[in-house]
Amino acid sequence: MKLIALKPIYFGGTVVTEGLPLETLEQHGRELIKKGYAMLDESENPAEQEQQEVKAEKKAKK
């Protein structure tokens, strides 16, 4: 999972500062997002982002 750090994170033996990308496992990434330490890096996966938007639209219609 590719993320962008929102706060300094000690990861992989170094500190990743705000705005820098990092890649981690899915579960760890979701935990960092939930705690507000990172956000999903959507610039790498425009097709995946489009799929998520379509799913959100379908849920909204129900």
C-alpha atoms as a PDB file:
ATOM      1  CA  MET A   1       0.000   0.000   0.000  1.00  0.00           C
ATOM      2  CA  LYS A   2       1.425   3.377  -1.003  1.00  0.00           C
ATOM      3  CA  LEU A   3       0.896   6.240   1.425  1.00  0.00           C
ATOM      4  CA  ILE A   4       1.878   9.874   1.988  1.00  0.00           C
ATOM      5  CA  ALA A   5       2.997  10.746   5.527  1.00  0.00           C
ATOM      6  CA  LEU A   6       0.945  13.447   7.265  1.00  0.00           C
ATOM      7  CA  LYS A   7       3.048  13.381  10.453  1.00  0.00           C
ATOM      8  CA  PRO A   8       6.603  12.163  11.082  1.00  0.00           C
ATOM      9  CA  ILE A   9       6.580   8.350  11.247  1.00  0.00           C
ATOM     10  CA  TYR A  10       9.400   6.097  12.427  1.00  0.00           C
ATOM     11  CA  PHE A  11       9.303   3.421   9.746  1.00  0.00           C
ATOM     12  CA  GLY A  12      11.926   0.991   8.505  1.00  0.00           C
ATOM     13  CA  GLY A  13      14.638   2.326  10.804  1.00  0.00           C
ATOM     14  CA  THR A  14      14.269   5.933   9.615  1.00  0.00           C
ATOM     15  CA  VAL A  15      11.887   8.828  10.140  1.00  0.00           C
ATOM     16  CA  VAL A  16       9.573   9.579   7.216  1.00  0.00           C
ATOM     17  CA  THR A  17       8.625  13.271   7.405  1.00  0.00           C
ATOM     18  CA  GLU A  18       5.426  15.012   6.288  1.00  0.00           C
ATOM     19  CA  GLY A  19       4.644  14.838   2.589  1.00  0.00           C
ATOM     20  CA  LEU A  20       7.026  12.005   1.776  1.00  0.00           C
ATOM     21  CA  PRO A  21       5.784   8.723   0.290  1.00  0.00           C
ATOM     22  CA  LEU A  22       6.149   5.350   1.960  1.00  0.00           C
ATOM     23  CA  GLU A  23       5.047   1.832   1.109  1.00  0.00           C
ATOM     24  CA  THR A  24       3.826  -0.661   3.687  1.00  0.00           C
ATOM     25  CA  LEU A  25       1.557  -3.665   4.088  1.00  0.00           C
ATOM     26  CA  GLU A  26      -2.202  -3.234   3.693  1.00  0.00           C
ATOM     27  CA  GLN A  27      -3.095  -3.698   7.381  1.00  0.00           C
ATOM     28  CA  HIS A  28      -0.341  -1.370   8.628  1.00  0.00           C
ATOM     29  CA  GLY A  29      -1.320   1.232   6.036  1.00  0.00           C
ATOM     30  CA  ARG A  30      -4.970   1.183   7.068  1.00  0.00           C
ATOM     31  CA  GLU A  31      -3.941   1.588  10.708  1.00  0.00           C
ATOM     32  CA  LEU A  32      -1.756   4.617   9.870  1.00  0.00           C
ATOM     33  CA  ILE A  33      -4.634   6.176   7.909  1.00  0.00           C
ATOM     34  CA  LYS A  34      -7.101   5.522  10.745  1.00  0.00           C
ATOM     35  CA  LYS A  35      -4.761   7.160  13.281  1.00  0.00           C
ATOM     36  CA  GLY A  36      -4.199  10.191  11.025  1.00  0.00           C
ATOM     37  CA  TYR A  37      -0.505   9.573  10.390  1.00  0.00           C
ATOM     38  CA  ALA A  38      -0.835   9.036   6.641  1.00  0.00           C
ATOM     39  CA  MET A  39      -3.171   9.243   3.671  1.00  0.00           C
ATOM     40  CA  LEU A  40      -3.520   7.018   0.633  1.00  0.00           C
ATOM     41  CA  ASP A  41      -1.261   7.975  -2.280  1.00  0.00           C
ATOM     42  CA  GLU A  42      -3.853   8.151  -5.054  1.00  0.00           C
ATOM     43  CA  SER A  43      -1.519   9.606  -7.690  1.00  0.00           C
ATOM     44  CA  GLU A  44      -0.080   6.152  -8.467  1.00  0.00           C
ATOM     45  CA  ASN A  45      -3.382   4.314  -9.070  1.00  0.00           C
ATOM     46  CA  PRO A  46      -5.859   6.414 -11.114  1.00  0.00           C
ATOM     47  CA  ALA A  47      -7.703   3.270 -12.316  1.00  0.00           C
ATOM     48  CA  GLU A  48      -8.147   2.010  -8.750  1.00  0.00           C
ATOM     49  CA  GLN A  49      -9.378   5.432  -7.655  1.00  0.00           C
ATOM     50  CA  GLU A  50     -11.953   5.403 -10.461  1.00  0.00           C
ATOM     51  CA  GLN A  51     -13.228   1.983  -9.333  1.00  0.00           C
ATOM     52  CA  GLN A  52     -13.664   3.265  -5.781  1.00  0.00           C
ATOM     53  CA  GLU A  53     -15.657   6.265  -7.052  1.00  0.00           C
ATOM     54  CA  VAL A  54     -17.956   3.978  -9.063  1.00  0.00           C
ATOM     55  CA  LYS A  55     -18.535   1.781  -5.993  1.00  0.00           C
ATOM     56  CA  ALA A  56     -19.319   4.873  -3.901  1.00  0.00           C
ATOM     57  CA  GLU A  57     -21.840   6.070  -6.495  1.00  0.00           C
ATOM     58  CA  LYS A  58     -23.565   2.671  -6.527  1.00  0.00           C
ATOM     59  CA  LYS A  59     -23.823   2.677  -2.722  1.00  0.00           C
ATOM     60  CA  ALA A  60     -25.239   6.209  -2.768  1.00  0.00           C
ATOM     61  CA  LYS A  61     -27.994   5.168  -5.191  1.00  0.00           C
ATOM     62  CA  LYS A  62     -29.218   2.363  -2.902  1.00  0.00           C
END
